[in-house]
C-alpha atoms as a PDB file:
ATOM      1  CA  UNK A   1       0.065   0.252   0.359  1.00  0.00           C
ATOM      2  CA  UNK A   2       2.848   2.147   1.127  1.00  0.00           C
ATOM      3  CA  UNK A   3       4.340   2.136  -2.468  1.00  0.00           C
ATOM      4  CA  UNK A   4       1.876   2.450  -4.363  1.00  0.00           C
ATOM      5  CA  UNK A   5       0.800   5.180  -2.487  1.00  0.00           C
ATOM      6  CA  UNK A   6       4.510   7.203  -3.169  1.00  0.00           C
ATOM      7  CA  UNK A   7       4.672   5.938  -6.576  1.00  0.00           C
ATOM      8  CA  UNK A   8       1.079   7.819  -6.837  1.00  0.00           C
ATOM      9  CA  UNK A   9       2.461  11.093  -4.954  1.00  0.00           C
ATOM     10  CA  UNK A  10       5.757  10.612  -7.395  1.00  0.00           C
ATOM     11  CA  UNK A  11       3.981  11.380 -10.733  1.00  0.00           C
ATOM     12  CA  UNK A  12       4.546  14.465 -12.343  1.00  0.00           C
ATOM     13  CA  UNK A  13       1.796  16.502 -12.241  1.00  0.00           C
ATOM     14  CA  UNK A  14       2.720  18.719 -15.094  1.00  0.00           C
ATOM     15  CA  UNK A  15       1.440  15.028 -17.432  1.00  0.00           C
ATOM     16  CA  UNK A  16      -2.147  15.909 -16.469  1.00  0.00           C
ATOM     17  CA  UNK A  17      -1.615  19.926 -17.693  1.00  0.00           C
ATOM     18  CA  UNK A  18      -0.061  18.982 -20.206  1.00  0.00           C
ATOM     19  CA  UNK A  19      -2.516  15.906 -21.961  1.00  0.00           C
ATOM     20  CA  UNK A  20      -4.809  18.454 -20.931  1.00  0.00           C
ATOM     21  CA  UNK A  21      -3.931  21.337 -23.459  1.00  0.00           C
ATOM     22  CA  UNK A  22      -3.293  18.969 -26.300  1.00  0.00           C
ATOM     23  CA  UNK A  23      -7.613  17.584 -25.275  1.00  0.00           C
ATOM     24  CA  UNK A  24      -8.019  21.216 -25.217  1.00  0.00           C
ATOM     25  CA  UNK A  25      -5.843  21.921 -28.500  1.00  0.00           C
ATOM     26  CA  UNK A  26      -7.385  19.112 -31.008  1.00  0.00           C
ATOM     27  CA  UNK A  27     -10.893  20.502 -29.849  1.00  0.00           C
ATOM     28  CA  UNK A  28     -10.318  23.935 -30.556  1.00  0.00           C
ATOM     29  CA  UNK A  29      -8.357  22.609 -34.128  1.00  0.00           C
ATOM     30  CA  UNK A  30     -11.790  20.437 -34.896  1.00  0.00           C
ATOM     31  CA  UNK A  31     -13.977  23.331 -34.298  1.00  0.00           C
ATOM     32  CA  UNK A  32     -12.000  25.443 -36.293  1.00  0.00           C
ATOM     33  CA  UNK A  33     -11.841  22.909 -38.960  1.00  0.00           C
ATOM     34  CA  UNK A  34     -15.700  22.046 -38.902  1.00  0.00           C
ATOM     35  CA  UNK A  35     -16.843  25.670 -38.809  1.00  0.00           C
ATOM     36  CA  UNK A  36     -14.364  26.285 -42.035  1.00  0.00           C
ATOM     37  CA  UNK A  37     -15.547  23.617 -43.913  1.00  0.00           C
ATOM     38  CA  UNK A  38     -19.199  24.724 -43.182  1.00  0.00           C
ATOM     39  CA  UNK A  39     -19.045  28.221 -43.976  1.00  0.00           C
ATOM     40  CA  UNK A  40     -17.355  26.595 -47.337  1.00  0.00           C
ATOM     41  CA  UNK A  41     -19.273  24.404 -48.067  1.00  0.00           C
ATOM     42  CA  UNK A  42     -22.186  26.975 -47.452  1.00  0.00           C
ATOM     43  CA  UNK A  43     -20.798  28.915 -50.214  1.00  0.00           C
ATOM     44  CA  UNK A  44     -20.580  26.179 -52.754  1.00  0.00           C
ATOM     45  CA  UNK A  45     -23.925  24.997 -52.341  1.00  0.00           C
ATOM     46  CA  UNK A  46     -25.055  29.114 -52.886  1.00  0.00           C
ATOM     47  CA  UNK A  47     -22.814  28.929 -56.103  1.00  0.00           C
ATOM     48  CA  UNK A  48     -24.510  26.329 -57.537  1.00  0.00           C
ATOM     49  CA  UNK A  49     -28.096  27.165 -57.465  1.00  0.00           C
ATOM     50  CA  UNK A  50     -27.155  30.976 -58.470  1.00  0.00           C
ATOM     51  CA  UNK A  51     -25.917  29.308 -61.339  1.00  0.00           C
ATOM     52  CA  UNK A  52     -28.377  28.292 -62.694  1.00  0.00           C
ATOM     53  CA  UNK A  53     -29.668  32.053 -62.303  1.00  0.00           C
ATOM     54  CA  UNK A  54     -26.766  33.751 -63.745  1.00  0.00           C
ATOM     55  CA  UNK A  55     -26.390  31.931 -67.285  1.00  0.00           C
ATOM     56  CA  UNK A  56     -28.025  33.925 -70.074  1.00  0.00           C
ATOM     57  CA  UNK A  57     -31.513  33.487 -71.389  1.00  0.00           C
ATOM     58  CA  UNK A  58     -33.947  30.591 -69.988  1.00  0.00           C
ATOM     59  CA  UNK A  59     -32.183  27.839 -69.404  1.00  0.00           C
ATOM     60  CA  UNK A  60     -35.286  25.382 -69.981  1.00  0.00           C
ATOM     61  CA  UNK A  61     -35.496  27.278 -73.858  1.00  0.00           C
ATOM     62  CA  UNK A  62     -31.475  26.604 -74.545  1.00  0.00           C
ATOM     63  CA  UNK A  63     -32.375  23.018 -73.372  1.00  0.00           C
ATOM     64  CA  UNK A  64     -35.307  22.270 -75.788  1.00  0.00           C
ATOM     65  CA  UNK A  65     -34.778  24.258 -77.998  1.00  0.00           C
ATOM     66  CA  UNK A  66     -35.859  27.335 -79.886  1.00  0.00           C
ATOM     67  CA  UNK A  67     -38.726  25.111 -81.839  1.00  0.00           C
ATOM     68  CA  UNK A  68     -39.629  24.020 -78.494  1.00  0.00           C
ATOM     69  CA  UNK A  69     -43.277  25.162 -78.141  1.00  0.00           C
ATOM     70  CA  UNK A  70     -44.185  28.236 -75.338  1.00  0.00           C
ATOM     71  CA  UNK A  71     -46.448  25.653 -73.928  1.00  0.00           C
ATOM     72  CA  UNK A  72     -43.799  22.780 -73.459  1.00  0.00           C
ATOM     73  CA  UNK A  73     -41.522  25.859 -71.101  1.00  0.00           C
ATOM     74  CA  UNK A  74     -43.198  27.123 -69.040  1.00  0.00           C
ATOM     75  CA  UNK A  75     -44.835  23.479 -68.294  1.00  0.00           C
ATOM     76  CA  UNK A  76     -41.063  22.409 -67.694  1.00  0.00           C
ATOM     77  CA  UNK A  77     -40.577  25.506 -65.896  1.00  0.00           C
ATOM     78  CA  UNK A  78     -43.396  25.689 -63.469  1.00  0.00           C
ATOM     79  CA  UNK A  79     -42.397  21.550 -63.271  1.00  0.00           C
ATOM     80  CA  UNK A  80     -38.629  22.471 -62.419  1.00  0.00           C
ATOM     81  CA  UNK A  81     -39.973  25.025 -59.922  1.00  0.00           C
ATOM     82  CA  UNK A  82     -38.204  28.224 -62.212  1.00  0.00           C
ATOM     83  CA  UNK A  83     -41.299  30.146 -61.579  1.00  0.00           C
ATOM     84  CA  UNK A  84     -41.366  30.796 -57.999  1.00  0.00           C
ATOM     85  CA  UNK A  85     -39.349  33.745 -55.665  1.00  0.00           C
ATOM     86  CA  UNK A  86     -35.612  32.780 -55.514  1.00  0.00           C
ATOM     87  CA  UNK A  87     -35.662  32.543 -52.125  1.00  0.00           C
ATOM     88  CA  UNK A  88     -38.837  29.742 -51.978  1.00  0.00           C
ATOM     89  CA  UNK A  89     -36.349  27.994 -55.248  1.00  0.00           C
ATOM     90  CA  UNK A  90     -33.339  28.658 -52.415  1.00  0.00           C
ATOM     91  CA  UNK A  91     -35.070  26.804 -49.889  1.00  0.00           C
ATOM     92  CA  UNK A  92     -36.777  23.649 -52.020  1.00  0.00           C
ATOM     93  CA  UNK A  93     -33.023  23.541 -52.945  1.00  0.00           C
ATOM     94  CA  UNK A  94     -31.554  23.212 -49.990  1.00  0.00           C
ATOM     95  CA  UNK A  95     -34.358  20.169 -48.899  1.00  0.00           C
ATOM     96  CA  UNK A  96     -32.867  18.651 -52.352  1.00  0.00           C
ATOM     97  CA  UNK A  97     -29.596  18.015 -51.283  1.00  0.00           C
ATOM     98  CA  UNK A  98     -30.521  17.554 -48.208  1.00  0.00           C
ATOM     99  CA  UNK A  99     -33.044  14.860 -48.667  1.00  0.00           C
ATOM    100  CA  UNK A 100     -30.453  13.379 -52.289  1.00  0.00           C
ATOM    101  CA  UNK A 101     -32.520  14.721 -54.650  1.00  0.00           C
ATOM    102  CA  UNK A 102     -30.403  16.870 -57.274  1.00  0.00           C
ATOM    103  CA  UNK A 103     -33.298  17.978 -59.591  1.00  0.00           C
ATOM    104  CA  UNK A 104     -34.537  16.532 -62.884  1.00  0.00           C
ATOM    105  CA  UNK A 105     -32.307  16.686 -66.360  1.00  0.00           C
ATOM    106  CA  UNK A 106     -33.957  18.476 -68.572  1.00  0.00           C
ATOM    107  CA  UNK A 107     -32.426  16.656 -71.350  1.00  0.00           C
ATOM    108  CA  UNK A 108     -33.348  12.613 -70.190  1.00  0.00           C
ATOM    109  CA  UNK A 109     -35.397  13.389 -67.929  1.00  0.00           C
ATOM    110  CA  UNK A 110     -34.125  11.282 -65.069  1.00  0.00           C
ATOM    111  CA  UNK A 111     -33.334  12.025 -61.848  1.00  0.00           C
ATOM    112  CA  UNK A 112     -29.522  13.686 -61.909  1.00  0.00           C
ATOM    113  CA  UNK A 113     -29.041  12.311 -58.439  1.00  0.00           C
ATOM    114  CA  UNK A 114     -28.958   9.109 -60.198  1.00  0.00           C
ATOM    115  CA  UNK A 115     -26.928   9.892 -63.481  1.00  0.00           C
ATOM    116  CA  UNK A 116     -24.567  11.340 -60.637  1.00  0.00           C
ATOM    117  CA  UNK A 117     -24.432   7.261 -59.126  1.00  0.00           C
ATOM    118  CA  UNK A 118     -23.918   6.156 -62.076  1.00  0.00           C
ATOM    119  CA  UNK A 119     -20.183   7.903 -63.165  1.00  0.00           C
ATOM    120  CA  UNK A 120     -19.121   9.417 -60.142  1.00  0.00           C
ATOM    121  CA  UNK A 121     -17.516   5.661 -59.545  1.00  0.00           C
ATOM    122  CA  UNK A 122     -15.940   5.659 -62.716  1.00  0.00           C
ATOM    123  CA  UNK A 123     -14.391   9.531 -61.637  1.00  0.00           C
ATOM    124  CA  UNK A 124     -13.729   8.757 -58.519  1.00  0.00           C
ATOM    125  CA  UNK A 125     -11.557   5.264 -58.953  1.00  0.00           C
ATOM    126  CA  UNK A 126      -9.698   7.435 -61.976  1.00  0.00           C
ATOM    127  CA  UNK A 127      -8.615  10.708 -59.602  1.00  0.00           C
ATOM    128  CA  UNK A 128      -7.819   7.975 -57.016  1.00  0.00           C
ATOM    129  CA  UNK A 129      -5.339   5.501 -59.357  1.00  0.00           C
ATOM    130  CA  UNK A 130      -3.777   9.018 -60.609  1.00  0.00           C
ATOM    131  CA  UNK A 131      -2.841  10.248 -57.103  1.00  0.00           C
ATOM    132  CA  UNK A 132      -1.795   6.890 -55.678  1.00  0.00           C
ATOM    133  CA  UNK A 133       0.286   6.466 -58.687  1.00  0.00           C
ATOM    134  CA  UNK A 134       2.076   9.873 -58.707  1.00  0.00           C
ATOM    135  CA  UNK A 135       2.625   9.979 -54.884  1.00  0.00           C
ATOM    136  CA  UNK A 136       4.410   6.109 -55.386  1.00  0.00           C
ATOM    137  CA  UNK A 137       6.306   7.479 -57.531  1.00  0.00           C
ATOM    138  CA  UNK A 138       7.525  11.425 -56.617  1.00  0.00           C
ATOM    139  CA  UNK A 139       8.162  10.053 -52.873  1.00  0.00           C
ATOM    140  CA  UNK A 140      11.459   7.353 -53.735  1.00  0.00           C
ATOM    141  CA  UNK A 141      12.191   9.622 -56.434  1.00  0.00           C
ATOM    142  CA  UNK A 142      12.201  13.229 -54.953  1.00  0.00           C
ATOM    143  CA  UNK A 143      13.844  10.820 -52.344  1.00  0.00           C
ATOM    144  CA  UNK A 144      16.449   9.764 -54.084  1.00  0.00           C
ATOM    145  CA  UNK A 145      17.047  12.887 -55.779  1.00  0.00           C
ATOM    146  CA  UNK A 146      17.378  14.377 -51.968  1.00  0.00           C
ATOM    147  CA  UNK A 147      20.210  12.042 -50.683  1.00  0.00           C
ATOM    148  CA  UNK A 148      22.118  11.901 -54.299  1.00  0.00           C
ATOM    149  CA  UNK A 149      21.877  15.574 -54.760  1.00  0.00           C
ATOM    150  CA  UNK A 150      22.962  16.964 -51.471  1.00  0.00           C
ATOM    151  CA  UNK A 151      25.391  19.183 -50.377  1.00  0.00           C
ATOM    152  CA  UNK A 152      25.934  20.242 -53.906  1.00  0.00           C
ATOM    153  CA  UNK A 153      27.224  16.249 -54.989  1.00  0.00           C
ATOM    154  CA  UNK A 154      25.355  14.950 -58.605  1.00  0.00           C
ATOM    155  CA  UNK A 155      25.242  18.504 -60.196  1.00  0.00           C
ATOM    156  CA  UNK A 156      24.156  16.839 -63.209  1.00  0.00           C
ATOM    157  CA  UNK A 157      22.384  14.493 -62.018  1.00  0.00           C
ATOM    158  CA  UNK A 158      19.989  17.622 -60.736  1.00  0.00           C
ATOM    159  CA  UNK A 159      20.253  19.494 -63.514  1.00  0.00           C
ATOM    160  CA  UNK A 160      19.352  16.775 -65.472  1.00  0.00           C
ATOM    161  CA  UNK A 161      16.063  15.957 -62.533  1.00  0.00           C
ATOM    162  CA  UNK A 162      14.936  19.419 -63.179  1.00  0.00           C
ATOM    163  CA  UNK A 163      14.657  19.849 -66.312  1.00  0.00           C
ATOM    164  CA  UNK A 164      12.501  16.201 -66.709  1.00  0.00           C
ATOM    165  CA  UNK A 165      10.119  17.540 -63.765  1.00  0.00           C
ATOM    166  CA  UNK A 166       9.952  21.209 -64.689  1.00  0.00           C
ATOM    167  CA  UNK A 167       8.933  19.743 -68.406  1.00  0.00           C
ATOM    168  CA  UNK A 168       7.067  17.154 -67.253  1.00  0.00           C
ATOM    169  CA  UNK A 169       5.052  19.398 -65.054  1.00  0.00           C
ATOM    170  CA  UNK A 170       4.150  22.094 -67.102  1.00  0.00           C
ATOM    171  CA  UNK A 171       2.455  19.820 -69.671  1.00  0.00           C
ATOM    172  CA  UNK A 172      -1.232  19.831 -69.653  1.00  0.00           C
ATOM    173  CA  UNK A 173      -3.040  15.679 -68.723  1.00  0.00           C
ATOM    174  CA  UNK A 174      -4.439  16.216 -71.730  1.00  0.00           C
ATOM    175  CA  UNK A 175      -1.376  17.030 -73.886  1.00  0.00           C
ATOM    176  CA  UNK A 176      -0.611  14.131 -71.896  1.00  0.00           C
ATOM    177  CA  UNK A 177      -3.181  11.970 -72.954  1.00  0.00           C
ATOM    178  CA  UNK A 178      -3.204  12.665 -76.288  1.00  0.00           C
ATOM    179  CA  UNK A 179       0.562  11.805 -76.344  1.00  0.00           C
ATOM    180  CA  UNK A 180       0.017   8.637 -74.697  1.00  0.00           C
ATOM    181  CA  UNK A 181      -2.820   7.635 -77.471  1.00  0.00           C
ATOM    182  CA  UNK A 182      -0.844   8.131 -80.518  1.00  0.00           C
ATOM    183  CA  UNK A 183       2.355   6.131 -78.945  1.00  0.00           C
ATOM    184  CA  UNK A 184       1.154   3.516 -76.825  1.00  0.00           C
ATOM    185  CA  UNK A 185      -2.251   3.139 -78.849  1.00  0.00           C
ATOM    186  CA  UNK A 186      -2.516   4.374 -82.255  1.00  0.00           C
ATOM    187  CA  UNK A 187       1.296   3.564 -82.879  1.00  0.00           C
ATOM    188  CA  UNK A 188       2.226   0.653 -80.526  1.00  0.00           C
ATOM    189  CA  UNK A 189      -1.658  -0.436 -80.545  1.00  0.00           C
ATOM    190  CA  UNK A 190      -0.661  -1.813 -76.836  1.00  0.00           C
ATOM    191  CA  UNK A 191      -3.295  -0.713 -74.915  1.00  0.00           C
ATOM    192  CA  UNK A 192      -6.881   0.618 -75.515  1.00  0.00           C
ATOM    193  CA  UNK A 193      -7.565   3.980 -75.802  1.00  0.00           C
ATOM    194  CA  UNK A 194     -11.566   4.107 -74.656  1.00  0.00           C
ATOM    195  CA  UNK A 195     -13.686   3.253 -71.672  1.00  0.00           C
ATOM    196  CA  UNK A 196     -12.775   1.448 -68.560  1.00  0.00           C
ATOM    197  CA  UNK A 197     -14.224  -1.986 -69.560  1.00  0.00           C
ATOM    198  CA  UNK A 198     -10.296  -3.521 -68.651  1.00  0.00           C
ATOM    199  CA  UNK A 199      -8.178  -3.625 -66.564  1.00  0.00           C
ATOM    200  CA  UNK A 200      -5.632  -2.354 -69.475  1.00  0.00           C
ATOM    201  CA  UNK A 201      -7.912   0.474 -70.096  1.00  0.00           C
ATOM    202  CA  UNK A 202      -6.753   2.052 -66.509  1.00  0.00           C
ATOM    203  CA  UNK A 203      -3.268   2.454 -67.874  1.00  0.00           C
ATOM    204  CA  UNK A 204      -3.421   5.414 -70.573  1.00  0.00           C
ATOM    205  CA  UNK A 205      -5.940   7.811 -68.212  1.00  0.00           C
ATOM    206  CA  UNK A 206      -3.964   6.781 -65.093  1.00  0.00           C
ATOM    207  CA  UNK A 207      -0.614   7.681 -66.151  1.00  0.00           C
ATOM    208  CA  UNK A 208      -1.888  10.677 -68.411  1.00  0.00           C
ATOM    209  CA  UNK A 209      -3.193  12.177 -64.447  1.00  0.00           C
ATOM    210  CA  UNK A 210      -0.252  11.007 -62.678  1.00  0.00           C
ATOM    211  CA  UNK A 211       3.270  12.185 -65.008  1.00  0.00           C
ATOM    212  CA  UNK A 212       2.267  16.064 -64.483  1.00  0.00           C
ATOM    213  CA  UNK A 213       1.998  15.783 -60.475  1.00  0.00           C
ATOM    214  CA  UNK A 214       4.268  13.190 -60.230  1.00  0.00           C
ATOM    215  CA  UNK A 215       7.395  15.271 -62.045  1.00  0.00           C
ATOM    216  CA  UNK A 216       6.072  18.442 -59.896  1.00  0.00           C
ATOM    217  CA  UNK A 217       5.780  16.273 -56.400  1.00  0.00           C
ATOM    218  CA  UNK A 218       8.939  14.708 -56.534  1.00  0.00           C
ATOM    219  CA  UNK A 219      11.262  18.388 -56.988  1.00  0.00           C
ATOM    220  CA  UNK A 220       8.816  18.926 -53.831  1.00  0.00           C
ATOM    221  CA  UNK A 221      10.272  16.188 -51.904  1.00  0.00           C
ATOM    222  CA  UNK A 222      13.433  15.974 -53.222  1.00  0.00           C
ATOM    223  CA  UNK A 223      14.038  19.971 -51.939  1.00  0.00           C
ATOM    224  CA  UNK A 224      12.239  18.815 -48.453  1.00  0.00           C
ATOM    225  CA  UNK A 225      14.823  16.160 -47.953  1.00  0.00           C
ATOM    226  CA  UNK A 226      17.687  18.053 -49.324  1.00  0.00           C
ATOM    227  CA  UNK A 227      17.034  20.970 -46.669  1.00  0.00           C
ATOM    228  CA  UNK A 228      15.849  17.739 -43.715  1.00  0.00           C
ATOM    229  CA  UNK A 229      19.471  16.042 -43.942  1.00  0.00           C
ATOM    230  CA  UNK A 230      21.249  20.045 -43.223  1.00  0.00           C
ATOM    231  CA  UNK A 231      19.492  19.796 -39.978  1.00  0.00           C
ATOM    232  CA  UNK A 232      21.031  19.598 -36.598  1.00  0.00           C
ATOM    233  CA  UNK A 233      18.897  16.809 -35.536  1.00  0.00           C
ATOM    234  CA  UNK A 234      20.338  14.799 -38.970  1.00  0.00           C
ATOM    235  CA  UNK A 235      23.720  15.929 -37.899  1.00  0.00           C
ATOM    236  CA  UNK A 236      22.987  14.403 -34.670  1.00  0.00           C
ATOM    237  CA  UNK A 237      22.162  10.980 -35.817  1.00  0.00           C
ATOM    238  CA  UNK A 238      24.998  10.734 -37.966  1.00  0.00           C
ATOM    239  CA  UNK A 239      27.221  10.941 -34.833  1.00  0.00           C
ATOM    240  CA  UNK A 240      25.842   8.782 -32.781  1.00  0.00           C
ATOM    241  CA  UNK A 241      26.871   6.329 -35.817  1.00  0.00           C
ATOM    242  CA  UNK A 242      23.463   5.248 -36.868  1.00  0.00           C
ATOM    243  CA  UNK A 243      22.456   2.927 -39.366  1.00  0.00           C
ATOM    244  CA  UNK A 244      22.077   4.810 -43.278  1.00  0.00           C
ATOM    245  CA  UNK A 245      18.649   3.390 -43.170  1.00  0.00           C
ATOM    246  CA  UNK A 246      17.773   4.425 -40.110  1.00  0.00           C
ATOM    247  CA  UNK A 247      19.185   7.746 -40.195  1.00  0.00           C
ATOM    248  CA  UNK A 248      17.274   8.554 -44.048  1.00  0.00           C
ATOM    249  CA  UNK A 249      13.729   6.571 -42.659  1.00  0.00           C
ATOM    250  CA  UNK A 250      13.781   6.882 -39.481  1.00  0.00           C
ATOM    251  CA  UNK A 251      14.483  11.192 -38.813  1.00  0.00           C
ATOM    252  CA  UNK A 252      14.771  12.967 -42.305  1.00  0.00           C
ATOM    253  CA  UNK A 253      11.417  10.739 -44.591  1.00  0.00           C
ATOM    254  CA  UNK A 254       8.695  11.785 -42.308  1.00  0.00           C
ATOM    255  CA  UNK A 255      10.112  15.593 -41.756  1.00  0.00           C
ATOM    256  CA  UNK A 256       9.822  15.587 -45.625  1.00  0.00           C
ATOM    257  CA  UNK A 257       6.514  13.990 -46.173  1.00  0.00           C
ATOM    258  CA  UNK A 258       5.220  16.500 -43.996  1.00  0.00           C
ATOM    259  CA  UNK A 259       5.462  19.358 -45.613  1.00  0.00           C
ATOM    260  CA  UNK A 260       5.030  17.579 -48.790  1.00  0.00           C
ATOM    261  CA  UNK A 261       1.578  16.443 -47.301  1.00  0.00           C
ATOM    262  CA  UNK A 262      -0.114  20.174 -47.761  1.00  0.00           C
ATOM    263  CA  UNK A 263       0.864  19.980 -51.264  1.00  0.00           C
ATOM    264  CA  UNK A 264      -0.980  16.334 -51.559  1.00  0.00           C
ATOM    265  CA  UNK A 265      -3.836  17.825 -50.569  1.00  0.00           C
ATOM    266  CA  UNK A 266      -3.883  20.346 -53.399  1.00  0.00           C
ATOM    267  CA  UNK A 267      -2.885  17.658 -55.502  1.00  0.00           C
ATOM    268  CA  UNK A 268      -5.498  15.685 -54.751  1.00  0.00           C
ATOM    269  CA  UNK A 269      -8.164  18.411 -55.885  1.00  0.00           C
ATOM    270  CA  UNK A 270      -6.429  19.466 -58.997  1.00  0.00           C
ATOM    271  CA  UNK A 271      -5.931  15.251 -59.608  1.00  0.00           C
ATOM    272  CA  UNK A 272     -10.292  15.900 -59.280  1.00  0.00           C
ATOM    273  CA  UNK A 273     -10.671  18.324 -61.894  1.00  0.00           C
ATOM    274  CA  UNK A 274      -8.413  17.230 -64.373  1.00  0.00           C
ATOM    275  CA  UNK A 275     -10.548  13.801 -64.525  1.00  0.00           C
ATOM    276  CA  UNK A 276     -13.066  16.397 -67.119  1.00  0.00           C
ATOM    277  CA  UNK A 277     -10.441  16.852 -69.529  1.00  0.00           C
ATOM    278  CA  UNK A 278      -8.474  13.190 -69.468  1.00  0.00           C
ATOM    279  CA  UNK A 279     -12.324  11.536 -69.129  1.00  0.00           C
ATOM    280  CA  UNK A 280     -13.475  13.125 -72.825  1.00  0.00           C
ATOM    281  CA  UNK A 281      -9.753  12.799 -74.313  1.00  0.00           C
ATOM    282  CA  UNK A 282     -10.389   8.903 -73.073  1.00  0.00           C
ATOM    283  CA  UNK A 283     -13.873   8.497 -73.191  1.00  0.00           C
ATOM    284  CA  UNK A 284     -13.969   7.302 -69.633  1.00  0.00           C
ATOM    285  CA  UNK A 285     -18.215   7.048 -68.740  1.00  0.00           C
ATOM    286  CA  UNK A 286     -17.252   9.145 -65.903  1.00  0.00           C
ATOM    287  CA  UNK A 287     -18.291  12.865 -64.129  1.00  0.00           C
ATOM    288  CA  UNK A 288     -16.564  14.765 -66.240  1.00  0.00           C
ATOM    289  CA  UNK A 289     -17.445  13.306 -70.079  1.00  0.00           C
ATOM    290  CA  UNK A 290     -20.909  13.960 -68.026  1.00  0.00           C
ATOM    291  CA  UNK A 291     -20.321  17.712 -67.427  1.00  0.00           C
ATOM    292  CA  UNK A 292     -18.825  18.293 -70.964  1.00  0.00           C
ATOM    293  CA  UNK A 293     -22.136  16.612 -72.568  1.00  0.00           C
ATOM    294  CA  UNK A 294     -24.437  18.388 -70.392  1.00  0.00           C
ATOM    295  CA  UNK A 295     -22.637  21.824 -71.215  1.00  0.00           C
ATOM    296  CA  UNK A 296     -23.149  21.373 -74.819  1.00  0.00           C
ATOM    297  CA  UNK A 297     -26.754  20.195 -74.897  1.00  0.00           C
ATOM    298  CA  UNK A 298     -27.098  23.348 -72.139  1.00  0.00           C
ATOM    299  CA  UNK A 299     -28.319  20.466 -69.226  1.00  0.00           C
ATOM    300  CA  UNK A 300     -27.642  23.166 -66.679  1.00  0.00           C
ATOM    301  CA  UNK A 301     -29.040  21.012 -63.279  1.00  0.00           C
ATOM    302  CA  UNK A 302     -26.863  18.010 -64.120  1.00  0.00           C
ATOM    303  CA  UNK A 303     -24.267  20.753 -64.719  1.00  0.00           C
ATOM    304  CA  UNK A 304     -25.097  21.817 -61.552  1.00  0.00           C
ATOM    305  CA  UNK A 305     -24.845  18.936 -59.433  1.00  0.00           C
ATOM    306  CA  UNK A 306     -21.629  17.607 -60.856  1.00  0.00           C
ATOM    307  CA  UNK A 307     -20.083  21.260 -60.276  1.00  0.00           C
ATOM    308  CA  UNK A 308     -21.509  20.684 -56.320  1.00  0.00           C
ATOM    309  CA  UNK A 309     -20.223  17.507 -56.850  1.00  0.00           C
ATOM    310  CA  UNK A 310     -16.952  18.186 -57.240  1.00  0.00           C
ATOM    311  CA  UNK A 311     -16.731  21.217 -55.120  1.00  0.00           C
ATOM    312  CA  UNK A 312     -17.603  18.538 -52.100  1.00  0.00           C
ATOM    313  CA  UNK A 313     -14.927  16.561 -53.364  1.00  0.00           C
ATOM    314  CA  UNK A 314     -12.397  18.648 -53.040  1.00  0.00           C
ATOM    315  CA  UNK A 315     -13.174  20.640 -50.035  1.00  0.00           C
ATOM    316  CA  UNK A 316     -13.605  16.725 -48.094  1.00  0.00           C
ATOM    317  CA  UNK A 317     -10.077  16.322 -49.539  1.00  0.00           C
ATOM    318  CA  UNK A 318      -8.729  19.029 -48.300  1.00  0.00           C
ATOM    319  CA  UNK A 319      -9.949  18.458 -44.888  1.00  0.00           C
ATOM    320  CA  UNK A 320      -9.141  15.377 -44.554  1.00  0.00           C
ATOM    321  CA  UNK A 321      -5.307  16.896 -45.700  1.00  0.00           C
ATOM    322  CA  UNK A 322      -5.473  18.702 -42.543  1.00  0.00           C
ATOM    323  CA  UNK A 323      -6.248  16.542 -39.901  1.00  0.00           C
ATOM    324  CA  UNK A 324      -3.360  14.110 -41.531  1.00  0.00           C
ATOM    325  CA  UNK A 325      -1.254  17.029 -41.081  1.00  0.00           C
ATOM    326  CA  UNK A 326      -2.048  17.564 -37.424  1.00  0.00           C
ATOM    327  CA  UNK A 327      -1.786  13.903 -37.121  1.00  0.00           C
ATOM    328  CA  UNK A 328       1.554  13.643 -38.229  1.00  0.00           C
ATOM    329  CA  UNK A 329       2.938  17.119 -36.881  1.00  0.00           C
ATOM    330  CA  UNK A 330       1.236  18.876 -34.383  1.00  0.00           C
ATOM    331  CA  UNK A 331       3.249  22.075 -34.944  1.00  0.00           C
ATOM    332  CA  UNK A 332       1.226  23.063 -37.116  1.00  0.00           C
ATOM    333  CA  UNK A 333      -2.209  23.087 -34.545  1.00  0.00           C
ATOM    334  CA  UNK A 334      -0.080  25.649 -32.674  1.00  0.00           C
ATOM    335  CA  UNK A 335       0.656  28.072 -35.572  1.00  0.00           C
ATOM    336  CA  UNK A 336      -3.064  28.513 -35.926  1.00  0.00           C
ATOM    337  CA  UNK A 337      -3.770  29.424 -32.329  1.00  0.00           C
END
């Protein structure tokens, strides 16, 4: 009994206070992030609602064509609620979002929610595969080049790497896709260039999405790795004669990754948006191809819903990255306090 009491008494009182500070900091961090997410969603929803009203002309007339009877146009406007006051339409729009009712397509008369649910999996699959491939290539390549070119070493390797990554990073992904189609689809005929019916049909679209971001990310990770390898804690690890694997993977790599994680969040958002053009190059049955077809046919309810889906996806991706960055580097929460 005496031993137990003495051990309890010897427990540092600061441990409880530190734990309480960390928990409160996480609570404040969660409230801030949730508040930002909700505000961004409110702006996005309002902008997507106003989009159909800010377009010049009558959207129903544009979708049905100039020869459509006036009675049909008015009946369609009444069915869509476009004759109601603006605030009433906005309220109905919010109610539809919470109940999963995104409206009705002007051209196909199908529920927009059904169209989105059918096309969304193909777009998410393409974007996530492109993201994973770009990160899987960029992290080891950037880390390797950081190790090779540290302290001014490997000037030729650094020049070749920088030049190649800059060139690949500046080429639009749809142009990369066109080049891949010509080389591997038309000239060599190794891979299919349209649809997603087979596993090999994923190769070219994923590469078209991943090549540019992988080049940009690898440069960022190389710069971060070079900076980390010159930090004091790495020098201390070397002074202790730790193995090279422990220095590079256990000490340098985690610190280099935290700096590049924010860029990865922006990358994921750009990949989601980049699927619009890539899907049209490869006839991919996703939201990107659908939104282009809907814009050409002036099917504004479908365009409105797809824009909302893309925006929500980007916001959620950025929020997930913020939380992951806080887990890996709690100092990011301190900086915001």
